[in-house]
């Protein structure tokens, strides 16, 4: 099966973010994203999209995962980061949340 035809996971969802910025630490570029998760037990990660050809802005999704699928409803602040080695487009990156996107030129 093609990747696009595989069923979507039920325990993962894009979530919103408040701040997304690129920082450099010891010569390494990092994307640092922060916001509030809607569940106290939600694990937040950054997930780069898959491309056949390098895009102008490489998409990186802000993803919340609920192990066990049950949300303990409470706002939880989060800060996550990812190294940008190999996941920068010709112009930069695009952070993709549930209700908005942010392009960052690098």
C-alpha atoms as a PDB file:
ATOM      1  CA  UNK A   1       0.000   0.000   0.000  1.00  0.00           C
ATOM      2  CA  UNK A   2       1.052   3.601  -0.612  1.00  0.00           C
ATOM      3  CA  UNK A   3       1.854   5.529   2.557  1.00  0.00           C
ATOM      4  CA  UNK A   4      -1.003   7.977   1.842  1.00  0.00           C
ATOM      5  CA  UNK A   5      -3.496   5.101   1.684  1.00  0.00           C
ATOM      6  CA  UNK A   6      -2.650   3.675   5.110  1.00  0.00           C
ATOM      7  CA  UNK A   7      -5.264   4.298   7.846  1.00  0.00           C
ATOM      8  CA  UNK A   8      -4.670   7.314  10.079  1.00  0.00           C
ATOM      9  CA  UNK A   9      -3.770   6.815  13.734  1.00  0.00           C
ATOM     10  CA  UNK A  10      -6.535   7.610  16.206  1.00  0.00           C
ATOM     11  CA  UNK A  11      -4.340   8.518  19.197  1.00  0.00           C
ATOM     12  CA  UNK A  12      -2.326  11.262  17.415  1.00  0.00           C
ATOM     13  CA  UNK A  13      -3.586  14.753  16.567  1.00  0.00           C
ATOM     14  CA  UNK A  14      -2.074  18.060  15.494  1.00  0.00           C
ATOM     15  CA  UNK A  15      -2.253  20.528  18.364  1.00  0.00           C
ATOM     16  CA  UNK A  16      -1.835  24.284  18.551  1.00  0.00           C
ATOM     17  CA  UNK A  17       1.330  26.114  19.492  1.00  0.00           C
ATOM     18  CA  UNK A  18       1.979  29.594  20.854  1.00  0.00           C
ATOM     19  CA  UNK A  19       5.643  30.179  19.984  1.00  0.00           C
ATOM     20  CA  UNK A  20       7.875  28.633  17.310  1.00  0.00           C
ATOM     21  CA  UNK A  21      11.428  29.828  16.809  1.00  0.00           C
ATOM     22  CA  UNK A  22      14.765  28.634  15.476  1.00  0.00           C
ATOM     23  CA  UNK A  23      17.669  28.791  17.895  1.00  0.00           C
ATOM     24  CA  UNK A  24      21.306  27.918  17.401  1.00  0.00           C
ATOM     25  CA  UNK A  25      23.223  26.036  20.076  1.00  0.00           C
ATOM     26  CA  UNK A  26      26.851  24.940  19.608  1.00  0.00           C
ATOM     27  CA  UNK A  27      26.498  25.404  15.834  1.00  0.00           C
ATOM     28  CA  UNK A  28      23.338  23.239  15.687  1.00  0.00           C
ATOM     29  CA  UNK A  29      20.051  24.752  14.522  1.00  0.00           C
ATOM     30  CA  UNK A  30      17.028  23.733  16.613  1.00  0.00           C
ATOM     31  CA  UNK A  31      13.328  24.373  16.187  1.00  0.00           C
ATOM     32  CA  UNK A  32      11.849  25.141  19.610  1.00  0.00           C
ATOM     33  CA  UNK A  33       8.042  25.123  19.931  1.00  0.00           C
ATOM     34  CA  UNK A  34       5.937  25.832  23.006  1.00  0.00           C
ATOM     35  CA  UNK A  35       2.275  26.081  23.883  1.00  0.00           C
ATOM     36  CA  UNK A  36      -0.422  24.407  25.927  1.00  0.00           C
ATOM     37  CA  UNK A  37      -1.588  20.819  25.440  1.00  0.00           C
ATOM     38  CA  UNK A  38      -5.288  20.127  26.124  1.00  0.00           C
ATOM     39  CA  UNK A  39      -4.593  16.977  28.178  1.00  0.00           C
ATOM     40  CA  UNK A  40      -2.395  16.541  31.253  1.00  0.00           C
ATOM     41  CA  UNK A  41      -1.185  13.154  29.995  1.00  0.00           C
ATOM     42  CA  UNK A  42      -0.473  14.202  26.387  1.00  0.00           C
ATOM     43  CA  UNK A  43       3.010  13.691  24.947  1.00  0.00           C
ATOM     44  CA  UNK A  44       3.904  16.413  22.424  1.00  0.00           C
ATOM     45  CA  UNK A  45       6.403  15.857  19.603  1.00  0.00           C
ATOM     46  CA  UNK A  46       7.535  17.544  16.407  1.00  0.00           C
ATOM     47  CA  UNK A  47       7.078  15.390  13.316  1.00  0.00           C
ATOM     48  CA  UNK A  48       8.685  16.362   9.980  1.00  0.00           C
ATOM     49  CA  UNK A  49       6.652  15.646   6.860  1.00  0.00           C
ATOM     50  CA  UNK A  50       8.001  13.285   4.197  1.00  0.00           C
ATOM     51  CA  UNK A  51       8.898  14.668   0.763  1.00  0.00           C
ATOM     52  CA  UNK A  52      10.171  13.144  -2.464  1.00  0.00           C
ATOM     53  CA  UNK A  53      11.733  16.453  -3.500  1.00  0.00           C
ATOM     54  CA  UNK A  54      13.006  19.196  -1.215  1.00  0.00           C
ATOM     55  CA  UNK A  55      10.241  21.827  -0.774  1.00  0.00           C
ATOM     56  CA  UNK A  56      10.703  25.587  -0.306  1.00  0.00           C
ATOM     57  CA  UNK A  57       9.549  25.272   3.343  1.00  0.00           C
ATOM     58  CA  UNK A  58       9.797  21.869   5.040  1.00  0.00           C
ATOM     59  CA  UNK A  59       6.620  21.109   7.010  1.00  0.00           C
ATOM     60  CA  UNK A  60       6.980  20.082  10.653  1.00  0.00           C
ATOM     61  CA  UNK A  61       3.788  19.115  12.497  1.00  0.00           C
ATOM     62  CA  UNK A  62       3.165  19.765  16.201  1.00  0.00           C
ATOM     63  CA  UNK A  63       1.636  16.461  17.297  1.00  0.00           C
ATOM     64  CA  UNK A  64      -0.036  15.373  20.526  1.00  0.00           C
ATOM     65  CA  UNK A  65      -0.184  11.672  21.430  1.00  0.00           C
ATOM     66  CA  UNK A  66      -2.389  10.050  24.048  1.00  0.00           C
ATOM     67  CA  UNK A  67      -1.061   6.713  25.218  1.00  0.00           C
ATOM     68  CA  UNK A  68      -4.165   4.651  25.894  1.00  0.00           C
ATOM     69  CA  UNK A  69      -6.381   7.180  24.109  1.00  0.00           C
ATOM     70  CA  UNK A  70      -7.891   8.754  27.246  1.00  0.00           C
ATOM     71  CA  UNK A  71      -7.474  12.511  27.811  1.00  0.00           C
ATOM     72  CA  UNK A  72      -7.063  13.676  31.393  1.00  0.00           C
ATOM     73  CA  UNK A  73      -8.588  17.088  30.743  1.00  0.00           C
ATOM     74  CA  UNK A  74      -6.277  19.789  32.080  1.00  0.00           C
ATOM     75  CA  UNK A  75      -4.097  22.345  30.352  1.00  0.00           C
ATOM     76  CA  UNK A  76      -0.431  21.347  30.348  1.00  0.00           C
ATOM     77  CA  UNK A  77       2.317  23.692  29.146  1.00  0.00           C
ATOM     78  CA  UNK A  78       4.854  22.113  26.806  1.00  0.00           C
ATOM     79  CA  UNK A  79       8.146  22.974  25.130  1.00  0.00           C
ATOM     80  CA  UNK A  80       9.615  20.611  22.543  1.00  0.00           C
ATOM     81  CA  UNK A  81      12.531  20.857  20.134  1.00  0.00           C
ATOM     82  CA  UNK A  82      14.002  19.095  17.131  1.00  0.00           C
ATOM     83  CA  UNK A  83      17.341  19.364  15.329  1.00  0.00           C
ATOM     84  CA  UNK A  84      16.891  20.787  11.856  1.00  0.00           C
ATOM     85  CA  UNK A  85      19.667  18.718  10.244  1.00  0.00           C
ATOM     86  CA  UNK A  86      18.266  17.429   6.933  1.00  0.00           C
ATOM     87  CA  UNK A  87      14.748  18.850   7.385  1.00  0.00           C
ATOM     88  CA  UNK A  88      15.122  22.412   6.070  1.00  0.00           C
ATOM     89  CA  UNK A  89      13.642  23.362   2.715  1.00  0.00           C
ATOM     90  CA  UNK A  90      15.210  25.663   0.129  1.00  0.00           C
ATOM     91  CA  UNK A  91      13.907  28.696   2.056  1.00  0.00           C
ATOM     92  CA  UNK A  92      13.268  27.310   5.560  1.00  0.00           C
ATOM     93  CA  UNK A  93      10.592  25.463   7.539  1.00  0.00           C
ATOM     94  CA  UNK A  94       6.857  25.657   8.185  1.00  0.00           C
ATOM     95  CA  UNK A  95       5.526  24.768  11.637  1.00  0.00           C
ATOM     96  CA  UNK A  96       2.047  23.204  11.325  1.00  0.00           C
ATOM     97  CA  UNK A  97      -0.359  23.232  14.251  1.00  0.00           C
ATOM     98  CA  UNK A  98      -4.058  22.411  14.529  1.00  0.00           C
ATOM     99  CA  UNK A  99      -5.334  25.846  13.502  1.00  0.00           C
ATOM    100  CA  UNK A 100      -2.364  27.767  12.142  1.00  0.00           C
ATOM    101  CA  UNK A 101       0.964  27.534  10.368  1.00  0.00           C
ATOM    102  CA  UNK A 102       4.125  29.592  10.719  1.00  0.00           C
ATOM    103  CA  UNK A 103       6.835  29.871   8.089  1.00  0.00           C
ATOM    104  CA  UNK A 104      10.371  30.568   9.256  1.00  0.00           C
ATOM    105  CA  UNK A 105      13.026  31.464   6.703  1.00  0.00           C
ATOM    106  CA  UNK A 106      16.471  30.102   7.495  1.00  0.00           C
END
